[in-house]
């Protein structure tokens, strides 16, 4: 399993050095240059986008509030959610290779 979590600065360097033929891993508005999404983690040949991580963080935080459970520290929750998204991406890649 290959998984890297990138800082904003390292993402900029990564995108600048990206090989041709690799599908875009960020989506930018062409004229304004506004960043719409970024890579939170690379998983072999796939990615987990920041928007996926943010969305899951909101869903889980809402569930915890509804169940009146104590919210873990933001960094702990974010790591757990990212780990789960990475695992899901790995499972999808494995299923694709198996033709499932």
PDB file of N, CA and C in Angstrom:
ATOM      1  N   UNK A   1       0.849  -1.174   0.000  1.00  0.00           N
ATOM      2  CA  UNK A   1       0.000   0.000   0.000  1.00  0.00           C
ATOM      3  C   UNK A   1       0.890   1.230   0.000  1.00  0.00           C
ATOM      4  N   UNK A   2       0.586   2.131  -0.914  1.00  0.00           N
ATOM      5  CA  UNK A   2       1.322   3.387  -0.984  1.00  0.00           C
ATOM      6  C   UNK A   2       0.336   4.488  -0.645  1.00  0.00           C
ATOM      7  N   UNK A   3       0.605   5.227   0.414  1.00  0.00           N
ATOM      8  CA  UNK A   3      -0.286   6.306   0.834  1.00  0.00           C
ATOM      9  C   UNK A   3       0.564   7.460   1.329  1.00  0.00           C
ATOM     10  N   UNK A   4       0.347   8.628   0.744  1.00  0.00           N
ATOM     11  CA  UNK A   4       1.061   9.815   1.181  1.00  0.00           C
ATOM     12  C   UNK A   4       0.053  10.914   1.438  1.00  0.00           C
ATOM     13  N   UNK A   5       0.249  11.637   2.499  1.00  0.00           N
ATOM     14  CA  UNK A   5      -0.568  12.805   2.776  1.00  0.00           C
ATOM     15  C   UNK A   5       0.306  14.012   2.500  1.00  0.00           C
ATOM     16  N   UNK A   6      -0.202  14.930   1.684  1.00  0.00           N
ATOM     17  CA  UNK A   6       0.607  16.038   1.211  1.00  0.00           C
ATOM     18  C   UNK A   6       0.198  17.353   1.861  1.00  0.00           C
ATOM     19  N   UNK A   7       1.174  18.202   2.085  1.00  0.00           N
ATOM     20  CA  UNK A   7       0.894  19.563   2.515  1.00  0.00           C
ATOM     21  C   UNK A   7       0.531  20.383   1.281  1.00  0.00           C
ATOM     22  N   UNK A   8       0.018  21.555   1.478  1.00  0.00           N
ATOM     23  CA  UNK A   8      -0.360  22.401   0.340  1.00  0.00           C
ATOM     24  C   UNK A   8       0.844  22.723  -0.542  1.00  0.00           C
ATOM     25  N   UNK A   9       1.985  23.028   0.072  1.00  0.00           N
ATOM     26  CA  UNK A   9       3.176  23.374  -0.697  1.00  0.00           C
ATOM     27  C   UNK A   9       3.662  22.187  -1.518  1.00  0.00           C
ATOM     28  N   UNK A  10       3.673  20.999  -0.916  1.00  0.00           N
ATOM     29  CA  UNK A  10       4.152  19.836  -1.660  1.00  0.00           C
ATOM     30  C   UNK A  10       3.182  19.456  -2.769  1.00  0.00           C
ATOM     31  N   UNK A  11       1.879  19.743  -2.590  1.00  0.00           N
ATOM     32  CA  UNK A  11       0.912  19.481  -3.656  1.00  0.00           C
ATOM     33  C   UNK A  11       1.203  20.336  -4.885  1.00  0.00           C
ATOM     34  N   UNK A  12       1.552  21.586  -4.649  1.00  0.00           N
ATOM     35  CA  UNK A  12       1.866  22.461  -5.774  1.00  0.00           C
ATOM     36  C   UNK A  12       3.059  21.932  -6.554  1.00  0.00           C
ATOM     37  N   UNK A  13       4.079  21.461  -5.840  1.00  0.00           N
ATOM     38  CA  UNK A  13       5.240  20.878  -6.506  1.00  0.00           C
ATOM     39  C   UNK A  13       4.867  19.594  -7.228  1.00  0.00           C
ATOM     40  N   UNK A  14       4.025  18.786  -6.620  1.00  0.00           N
ATOM     41  CA  UNK A  14       3.592  17.538  -7.234  1.00  0.00           C
ATOM     42  C   UNK A  14       2.856  17.808  -8.540  1.00  0.00           C
ATOM     43  N   UNK A  15       1.955  18.757  -8.543  1.00  0.00           N
ATOM     44  CA  UNK A  15       1.177  19.044  -9.740  1.00  0.00           C
ATOM     45  C   UNK A  15       2.054  19.654 -10.830  1.00  0.00           C
ATOM     46  N   UNK A  16       3.033  20.433 -10.437  1.00  0.00           N
ATOM     47  CA  UNK A  16       3.931  21.040 -11.421  1.00  0.00           C
ATOM     48  C   UNK A  16       4.775  19.974 -12.107  1.00  0.00           C
ATOM     49  N   UNK A  17       5.076  18.894 -11.400  1.00  0.00           N
ATOM     50  CA  UNK A  17       5.930  17.849 -11.952  1.00  0.00           C
ATOM     51  C   UNK A  17       5.144  16.661 -12.503  1.00  0.00           C
ATOM     52  N   UNK A  18       3.826  16.742 -12.516  1.00  0.00           N
ATOM     53  CA  UNK A  18       3.005  15.611 -12.959  1.00  0.00           C
ATOM     54  C   UNK A  18       3.317  15.252 -14.405  1.00  0.00           C
ATOM     55  N   UNK A  19       3.371  13.947 -14.665  1.00  0.00           N
ATOM     56  CA  UNK A  19       3.682  13.454 -16.004  1.00  0.00           C
ATOM     57  C   UNK A  19       2.499  13.667 -16.937  1.00  0.00           C
ATOM     58  N   UNK A  20       2.775  13.919 -18.235  1.00  0.00           N
ATOM     59  CA  UNK A  20       1.688  14.038 -19.190  1.00  0.00           C
ATOM     60  C   UNK A  20       0.943  12.709 -19.290  1.00  0.00           C
ATOM     61  N   UNK A  21      -0.343  12.781 -19.586  1.00  0.00           N
ATOM     62  CA  UNK A  21      -1.134  11.572 -19.716  1.00  0.00           C
ATOM     63  C   UNK A  21      -1.808  11.142 -18.427  1.00  0.00           C
ATOM     64  N   UNK A  22      -1.380  11.690 -17.306  1.00  0.00           N
ATOM     65  CA  UNK A  22      -2.020  11.377 -16.042  1.00  0.00           C
ATOM     66  C   UNK A  22      -3.229  12.295 -15.920  1.00  0.00           C
ATOM     67  N   UNK A  23      -4.389  11.711 -15.570  1.00  0.00           N
ATOM     68  CA  UNK A  23      -5.582  12.555 -15.481  1.00  0.00           C
ATOM     69  C   UNK A  23      -5.409  13.600 -14.379  1.00  0.00           C
ATOM     70  N   UNK A  24      -6.063  14.718 -14.564  1.00  0.00           N
ATOM     71  CA  UNK A  24      -5.912  15.831 -13.630  1.00  0.00           C
ATOM     72  C   UNK A  24      -6.379  15.431 -12.241  1.00  0.00           C
ATOM     73  N   UNK A  25      -5.595  15.771 -11.237  1.00  0.00           N
ATOM     74  CA  UNK A  25      -5.949  15.444  -9.873  1.00  0.00           C
ATOM     75  C   UNK A  25      -6.410  16.671  -9.115  1.00  0.00           C
ATOM     76  N   UNK A  26      -6.447  17.794  -9.763  1.00  0.00           N
ATOM     77  CA  UNK A  26      -7.095  18.976  -9.208  1.00  0.00           C
ATOM     78  C   UNK A  26      -8.023  19.491 -10.281  1.00  0.00           C
ATOM     79  N   UNK A  27      -8.984  20.227  -9.857  1.00  0.00           N
ATOM     80  CA  UNK A  27      -9.898  20.841 -10.811  1.00  0.00           C
ATOM     81  C   UNK A  27      -9.834  22.338 -10.582  1.00  0.00           C
ATOM     82  N   UNK A  28      -9.426  23.065 -11.590  1.00  0.00           N
ATOM     83  CA  UNK A  28      -9.313  24.510 -11.456  1.00  0.00           C
ATOM     84  C   UNK A  28     -10.227  25.192 -12.456  1.00  0.00           C
ATOM     85  N   UNK A  29     -10.769  26.320 -12.060  1.00  0.00           N
ATOM     86  CA  UNK A  29     -11.512  27.143 -12.994  1.00  0.00           C
ATOM     87  C   UNK A  29     -10.488  27.750 -13.944  1.00  0.00           C
ATOM     88  N   UNK A  30     -10.671  27.551 -15.234  1.00  0.00           N
ATOM     89  CA  UNK A  30      -9.631  27.888 -16.204  1.00  0.00           C
ATOM     90  C   UNK A  30      -9.271  29.367 -16.243  1.00  0.00           C
ATOM     91  N   UNK A  31     -10.221  30.251 -16.151  1.00  0.00           N
ATOM     92  CA  UNK A  31      -9.893  31.663 -16.289  1.00  0.00           C
ATOM     93  C   UNK A  31      -9.488  32.320 -14.973  1.00  0.00           C
ATOM     94  N   UNK A  32     -10.073  31.909 -13.864  1.00  0.00           N
ATOM     95  CA  UNK A  32      -9.775  32.583 -12.602  1.00  0.00           C
ATOM     96  C   UNK A  32      -8.681  31.897 -11.800  1.00  0.00           C
ATOM     97  N   UNK A  33      -8.379  30.626 -12.093  1.00  0.00           N
ATOM     98  CA  UNK A  33      -7.344  29.916 -11.363  1.00  0.00           C
ATOM     99  C   UNK A  33      -7.744  29.572  -9.943  1.00  0.00           C
ATOM    100  N   UNK A  34      -9.036  29.485  -9.657  1.00  0.00           N
ATOM    101  CA  UNK A  34      -9.516  29.164  -8.326  1.00  0.00           C
ATOM    102  C   UNK A  34      -9.457  27.657  -8.132  1.00  0.00           C
ATOM    103  N   UNK A  35      -8.789  27.210  -7.081  1.00  0.00           N
ATOM    104  CA  UNK A  35      -8.676  25.797  -6.772  1.00  0.00           C
ATOM    105  C   UNK A  35     -10.010  25.289  -6.246  1.00  0.00           C
ATOM    106  N   UNK A  36     -10.544  24.258  -6.905  1.00  0.00           N
ATOM    107  CA  UNK A  36     -11.825  23.702  -6.499  1.00  0.00           C
ATOM    108  C   UNK A  36     -11.681  22.429  -5.680  1.00  0.00           C
ATOM    109  N   UNK A  37     -10.587  21.719  -5.848  1.00  0.00           N
ATOM    110  CA  UNK A  37     -10.358  20.491  -5.108  1.00  0.00           C
ATOM    111  C   UNK A  37      -8.867  20.193  -5.113  1.00  0.00           C
ATOM    112  N   UNK A  38      -8.436  19.322  -4.224  1.00  0.00           N
ATOM    113  CA  UNK A  38      -7.026  18.916  -4.195  1.00  0.00           C
ATOM    114  C   UNK A  38      -6.942  17.487  -3.673  1.00  0.00           C
ATOM    115  N   UNK A  39      -5.791  16.895  -3.839  1.00  0.00           N
ATOM    116  CA  UNK A  39      -5.557  15.525  -3.417  1.00  0.00           C
ATOM    117  C   UNK A  39      -5.221  15.513  -1.928  1.00  0.00           C
ATOM    118  N   UNK A  40      -5.949  14.710  -1.166  1.00  0.00           N
ATOM    119  CA  UNK A  40      -5.656  14.552   0.258  1.00  0.00           C
ATOM    120  C   UNK A  40      -4.663  13.417   0.458  1.00  0.00           C
ATOM    121  N   UNK A  41      -4.762  12.381  -0.391  1.00  0.00           N
ATOM    122  CA  UNK A  41      -3.848  11.237  -0.291  1.00  0.00           C
ATOM    123  C   UNK A  41      -3.806  10.516  -1.632  1.00  0.00           C
ATOM    124  N   UNK A  42      -2.638   9.975  -1.971  1.00  0.00           N
ATOM    125  CA  UNK A  42      -2.539   9.106  -3.137  1.00  0.00           C
ATOM    126  C   UNK A  42      -2.554   7.670  -2.639  1.00  0.00           C
ATOM    127  N   UNK A  43      -3.243   6.828  -3.383  1.00  0.00           N
ATOM    128  CA  UNK A  43      -3.381   5.423  -3.011  1.00  0.00           C
ATOM    129  C   UNK A  43      -3.084   4.615  -4.270  1.00  0.00           C
ATOM    130  N   UNK A  44      -1.845   4.110  -4.365  1.00  0.00           N
ATOM    131  CA  UNK A  44      -1.384   3.431  -5.578  1.00  0.00           C
ATOM    132  C   UNK A  44      -1.672   4.320  -6.773  1.00  0.00           C
ATOM    133  N   UNK A  45      -2.536   3.861  -7.699  1.00  0.00           N
ATOM    134  CA  UNK A  45      -2.830   4.672  -8.877  1.00  0.00           C
ATOM    135  C   UNK A  45      -4.053   5.565  -8.680  1.00  0.00           C
ATOM    136  N   UNK A  46      -4.637   5.572  -7.507  1.00  0.00           N
ATOM    137  CA  UNK A  46      -5.825   6.374  -7.230  1.00  0.00           C
ATOM    138  C   UNK A  46      -5.549   7.498  -6.261  1.00  0.00           C
ATOM    139  N   UNK A  47      -6.593   8.241  -5.967  1.00  0.00           N
ATOM    140  CA  UNK A  47      -6.476   9.368  -5.042  1.00  0.00           C
ATOM    141  C   UNK A  47      -7.700   9.437  -4.128  1.00  0.00           C
ATOM    142  N   UNK A  48      -7.518  10.097  -3.015  1.00  0.00           N
ATOM    143  CA  UNK A  48      -8.618  10.516  -2.153  1.00  0.00           C
ATOM    144  C   UNK A  48      -8.599  12.038  -2.207  1.00  0.00           C
ATOM    145  N   UNK A  49      -9.699  12.617  -2.645  1.00  0.00           N
ATOM    146  CA  UNK A  49      -9.775  14.071  -2.774  1.00  0.00           C
ATOM    147  C   UNK A  49     -10.128  14.728  -1.445  1.00  0.00           C
ATOM    148  N   UNK A  50      -9.680  15.949  -1.291  1.00  0.00           N
ATOM    149  CA  UNK A  50      -9.972  16.724  -0.082  1.00  0.00           C
ATOM    150  C   UNK A  50     -11.480  16.888   0.091  1.00  0.00           C
ATOM    151  N   UNK A  51     -12.203  17.050  -1.003  1.00  0.00           N
ATOM    152  CA  UNK A  51     -13.659  17.207  -0.912  1.00  0.00           C
ATOM    153  C   UNK A  51     -14.314  15.954  -0.338  1.00  0.00           C
ATOM    154  N   UNK A  52     -13.795  14.763  -0.678  1.00  0.00           N
ATOM    155  CA  UNK A  52     -14.322  13.522  -0.111  1.00  0.00           C
ATOM    156  C   UNK A  52     -14.063  13.480   1.393  1.00  0.00           C
ATOM    157  N   UNK A  53     -12.865  13.861   1.785  1.00  0.00           N
ATOM    158  CA  UNK A  53     -12.504  13.892   3.200  1.00  0.00           C
ATOM    159  C   UNK A  53     -13.384  14.886   3.953  1.00  0.00           C
ATOM    160  N   UNK A  54     -13.537  16.089   3.406  1.00  0.00           N
ATOM    161  CA  UNK A  54     -14.358  17.114   4.052  1.00  0.00           C
ATOM    162  C   UNK A  54     -15.806  16.655   4.203  1.00  0.00           C
ATOM    163  N   UNK A  55     -16.344  16.052   3.156  1.00  0.00           N
ATOM    164  CA  UNK A  55     -17.731  15.582   3.185  1.00  0.00           C
ATOM    165  C   UNK A  55     -17.932  14.525   4.265  1.00  0.00           C
ATOM    166  N   UNK A  56     -17.026  13.568   4.351  1.00  0.00           N
ATOM    167  CA  UNK A  56     -17.142  12.522   5.360  1.00  0.00           C
ATOM    168  C   UNK A  56     -16.961  13.080   6.771  1.00  0.00           C
ATOM    169  N   UNK A  57     -16.105  14.069   6.922  1.00  0.00           N
ATOM    170  CA  UNK A  57     -15.923  14.712   8.235  1.00  0.00           C
ATOM    171  C   UNK A  57     -17.241  15.334   8.699  1.00  0.00           C
ATOM    172  N   UNK A  58     -17.949  15.985   7.785  1.00  0.00           N
ATOM    173  CA  UNK A  58     -19.229  16.615   8.121  1.00  0.00           C
ATOM    174  C   UNK A  58     -20.256  15.564   8.502  1.00  0.00           C
ATOM    175  N   UNK A  59     -20.355  14.491   7.718  1.00  0.00           N
ATOM    176  CA  UNK A  59     -21.323  13.424   7.978  1.00  0.00           C
ATOM    177  C   UNK A  59     -21.072  12.789   9.340  1.00  0.00           C
ATOM    178  N   UNK A  60     -19.825  12.489   9.633  1.00  0.00           N
ATOM    179  CA  UNK A  60     -19.497  11.823  10.898  1.00  0.00           C
ATOM    180  C   UNK A  60     -19.703  12.756  12.084  1.00  0.00           C
ATOM    181  N   UNK A  61     -19.328  14.009  11.934  1.00  0.00           N
ATOM    182  CA  UNK A  61     -19.546  14.982  13.011  1.00  0.00           C
ATOM    183  C   UNK A  61     -21.040  15.120  13.300  1.00  0.00           C
ATOM    184  N   UNK A  62     -21.845  15.128  12.251  1.00  0.00           N
ATOM    185  CA  UNK A  62     -23.297  15.233  12.426  1.00  0.00           C
ATOM    186  C   UNK A  62     -23.842  14.003  13.157  1.00  0.00           C
ATOM    187  N   UNK A  63     -23.366  12.812  12.790  1.00  0.00           N
ATOM    188  CA  UNK A  63     -23.812  11.582  13.471  1.00  0.00           C
ATOM    189  C   UNK A  63     -23.433  11.600  14.945  1.00  0.00           C
ATOM    190  N   UNK A  64     -22.226  12.050  15.241  1.00  0.00           N
ATOM    191  CA  UNK A  64     -21.791  12.107  16.638  1.00  0.00           C
ATOM    192  C   UNK A  64     -22.663  13.058  17.442  1.00  0.00           C
ATOM    193  N   UNK A  65     -22.997  14.216  16.846  1.00  0.00           N
ATOM    194  CA  UNK A  65     -23.873  15.173  17.535  1.00  0.00           C
ATOM    195  C   UNK A  65     -25.265  14.576  17.762  1.00  0.00           C
ATOM    196  N   UNK A  66     -25.802  13.901  16.722  1.00  0.00           N
ATOM    197  CA  UNK A  66     -27.136  13.301  16.842  1.00  0.00           C
ATOM    198  C   UNK A  66     -27.168  12.237  17.937  1.00  0.00           C
ATOM    199  N   UNK A  67     -26.069  11.500  18.088  1.00  0.00           N
ATOM    200  CA  UNK A  67     -25.997  10.445  19.091  1.00  0.00           C
ATOM    201  C   UNK A  67     -25.518  10.976  20.443  1.00  0.00           C
ATOM    202  N   UNK A  68     -25.319  12.299  20.494  1.00  0.00           N
ATOM    203  CA  UNK A  68     -24.870  12.977  21.720  1.00  0.00           C
ATOM    204  C   UNK A  68     -23.572  12.372  22.266  1.00  0.00           C
ATOM    205  N   UNK A  69     -22.668  12.055  21.342  1.00  0.00           N
ATOM    206  CA  UNK A  69     -21.360  11.526  21.697  1.00  0.00           C
ATOM    207  C   UNK A  69     -20.332  12.639  21.650  1.00  0.00           C
ATOM    208  N   UNK A  70     -19.302  12.494  22.452  1.00  0.00           N
ATOM    209  CA  UNK A  70     -18.247  13.497  22.491  1.00  0.00           C
ATOM    210  C   UNK A  70     -17.442  13.463  21.191  1.00  0.00           C
ATOM    211  N   UNK A  71     -17.171  14.625  20.656  1.00  0.00           N
ATOM    212  CA  UNK A  71     -16.411  14.755  19.424  1.00  0.00           C
ATOM    213  C   UNK A  71     -14.920  14.610  19.738  1.00  0.00           C
ATOM    214  N   UNK A  72     -14.214  13.704  19.035  1.00  0.00           N
ATOM    215  CA  UNK A  72     -12.765  13.608  19.245  1.00  0.00           C
ATOM    216  C   UNK A  72     -12.083  14.865  18.699  1.00  0.00           C
ATOM    217  N   UNK A  73     -10.828  15.082  19.054  1.00  0.00           N
ATOM    218  CA  UNK A  73     -10.112  16.225  18.477  1.00  0.00           C
ATOM    219  C   UNK A  73     -10.151  16.160  16.950  1.00  0.00           C
ATOM    220  N   UNK A  74     -10.217  17.311  16.322  1.00  0.00           N
ATOM    221  CA  UNK A  74     -10.352  17.413  14.863  1.00  0.00           C
ATOM    222  C   UNK A  74      -9.266  16.616  14.132  1.00  0.00           C
ATOM    223  N   UNK A  75      -8.015  16.713  14.591  1.00  0.00           N
ATOM    224  CA  UNK A  75      -6.924  16.020  13.898  1.00  0.00           C
ATOM    225  C   UNK A  75      -7.049  14.501  14.024  1.00  0.00           C
ATOM    226  N   UNK A  76      -7.554  14.017  15.148  1.00  0.00           N
ATOM    227  CA  UNK A  76      -7.746  12.578  15.345  1.00  0.00           C
ATOM    228  C   UNK A  76      -8.871  12.082  14.431  1.00  0.00           C
ATOM    229  N   UNK A  77      -9.972  12.803  14.416  1.00  0.00           N
ATOM    230  CA  UNK A  77     -11.098  12.432  13.558  1.00  0.00           C
ATOM    231  C   UNK A  77     -10.689  12.449  12.093  1.00  0.00           C
ATOM    232  N   UNK A  78      -9.964  13.484  11.688  1.00  0.00           N
ATOM    233  CA  UNK A  78      -9.543  13.601  10.298  1.00  0.00           C
ATOM    234  C   UNK A  78      -8.646  12.426   9.894  1.00  0.00           C
ATOM    235  N   UNK A  79      -7.721  12.038  10.760  1.00  0.00           N
ATOM    236  CA  UNK A  79      -6.848  10.898  10.453  1.00  0.00           C
ATOM    237  C   UNK A  79      -7.655   9.616  10.317  1.00  0.00           C
ATOM    238  N   UNK A  80      -8.603   9.396  11.212  1.00  0.00           N
ATOM    239  CA  UNK A  80      -9.424   8.187  11.153  1.00  0.00           C
ATOM    240  C   UNK A  80     -10.269   8.155   9.883  1.00  0.00           C
ATOM    241  N   UNK A  81     -10.855   9.283   9.531  1.00  0.00           N
ATOM    242  CA  UNK A  81     -11.678   9.352   8.322  1.00  0.00           C
ATOM    243  C   UNK A  81     -10.809   9.139   7.089  1.00  0.00           C
ATOM    244  N   UNK A  82      -9.644   9.765   7.045  1.00  0.00           N
ATOM    245  CA  UNK A  82      -8.746   9.586   5.908  1.00  0.00           C
ATOM    246  C   UNK A  82      -8.301   8.133   5.800  1.00  0.00           C
ATOM    247  N   UNK A  83      -7.985   7.505   6.919  1.00  0.00           N
ATOM    248  CA  UNK A  83      -7.610   6.090   6.897  1.00  0.00           C
ATOM    249  C   UNK A  83      -8.725   5.237   6.302  1.00  0.00           C
ATOM    250  N   UNK A  84      -9.949   5.538   6.678  1.00  0.00           N
ATOM    251  CA  UNK A  84     -11.086   4.777   6.148  1.00  0.00           C
ATOM    252  C   UNK A  84     -11.268   4.998   4.647  1.00  0.00           C
ATOM    253  N   UNK A  85     -11.100   6.240   4.206  1.00  0.00           N
ATOM    254  CA  UNK A  85     -11.221   6.534   2.769  1.00  0.00           C
ATOM    255  C   UNK A  85     -10.104   5.862   1.966  1.00  0.00           C
ATOM    256  N   UNK A  86      -8.903   5.824   2.528  1.00  0.00           N
ATOM    257  CA  UNK A  86      -7.782   5.142   1.867  1.00  0.00           C
ATOM    258  C   UNK A  86      -8.091   3.654   1.753  1.00  0.00           C
ATOM    259  N   UNK A  87      -8.601   3.065   2.818  1.00  0.00           N
ATOM    260  CA  UNK A  87      -8.959   1.649   2.800  1.00  0.00           C
ATOM    261  C   UNK A  87     -10.043   1.377   1.752  1.00  0.00           C
ATOM    262  N   UNK A  88     -11.036   2.240   1.676  1.00  0.00           N
ATOM    263  CA  UNK A  88     -12.085   2.079   0.671  1.00  0.00           C
ATOM    264  C   UNK A  88     -11.507   2.155  -0.740  1.00  0.00           C
ATOM    265  N   UNK A  89     -10.595   3.081  -0.972  1.00  0.00           N
ATOM    266  CA  UNK A  89      -9.965   3.216  -2.281  1.00  0.00           C
ATOM    267  C   UNK A  89      -9.173   1.956  -2.616  1.00  0.00           C
ATOM    268  N   UNK A  90      -8.440   1.423  -1.652  1.00  0.00           N
ATOM    269  CA  UNK A  90      -7.700   0.176  -1.872  1.00  0.00           C
ATOM    270  C   UNK A  90      -8.641  -0.975  -2.213  1.00  0.00           C
ATOM    271  N   UNK A  91      -9.756  -1.059  -1.510  1.00  0.00           N
ATOM    272  CA  UNK A  91     -10.725  -2.117  -1.785  1.00  0.00           C
ATOM    273  C   UNK A  91     -11.315  -1.970  -3.193  1.00  0.00           C
ATOM    274  N   UNK A  92     -11.585  -0.752  -3.605  1.00  0.00           N
ATOM    275  CA  UNK A  92     -12.117  -0.519  -4.956  1.00  0.00           C
ATOM    276  C   UNK A  92     -11.082  -0.900  -6.014  1.00  0.00           C
ATOM    277  N   UNK A  93      -9.835  -0.564  -5.769  1.00  0.00           N
ATOM    278  CA  UNK A  93      -8.773  -0.924  -6.722  1.00  0.00           C
ATOM    279  C   UNK A  93      -8.649  -2.440  -6.826  1.00  0.00           C
ATOM    280  N   UNK A  94      -8.690  -3.112  -5.698  1.00  0.00           N
ATOM    281  CA  UNK A  94      -8.598  -4.578  -5.687  1.00  0.00           C
ATOM    282  C   UNK A  94      -9.788  -5.188  -6.414  1.00  0.00           C
ATOM    283  N   UNK A  95     -10.969  -4.657  -6.182  1.00  0.00           N
ATOM    284  CA  UNK A  95     -12.167  -5.156  -6.868  1.00  0.00           C
ATOM    285  C   UNK A  95     -12.084  -4.930  -8.371  1.00  0.00           C
ATOM    286  N   UNK A  96     -11.587  -3.771  -8.784  1.00  0.00           N
ATOM    287  CA  UNK A  96     -11.409  -3.485 -10.218  1.00  0.00           C
ATOM    288  C   UNK A  96     -10.460  -4.494 -10.858  1.00  0.00           C
ATOM    289  N   UNK A  97      -9.350  -4.781 -10.180  1.00  0.00           N
ATOM    290  CA  UNK A  97      -8.382  -5.751 -10.714  1.00  0.00           C
ATOM    291  C   UNK A  97      -8.967  -7.147 -10.800  1.00  0.00           C
ATOM    292  N   UNK A  98      -9.874  -7.477  -9.870  1.00  0.00           N
ATOM    293  CA  UNK A  98     -10.499  -8.802  -9.860  1.00  0.00           C
ATOM    294  C   UNK A  98     -11.702  -8.869 -10.798  1.00  0.00           C
ATOM    295  N   UNK A  99     -12.056  -7.725 -11.392  1.00  0.00           N
ATOM    296  CA  UNK A  99     -13.185  -7.683 -12.320  1.00  0.00           C
ATOM    297  C   UNK A  99     -14.529  -7.678 -11.640  1.00  0.00           C
ATOM    298  N   UNK A 100     -14.555  -7.246 -10.409  1.00  0.00           N
ATOM    299  CA  UNK A 100     -15.817  -7.216  -9.641  1.00  0.00           C
ATOM    300  C   UNK A 100     -16.477  -5.862  -9.794  1.00  0.00           C
TER     301      UNK A 100
END
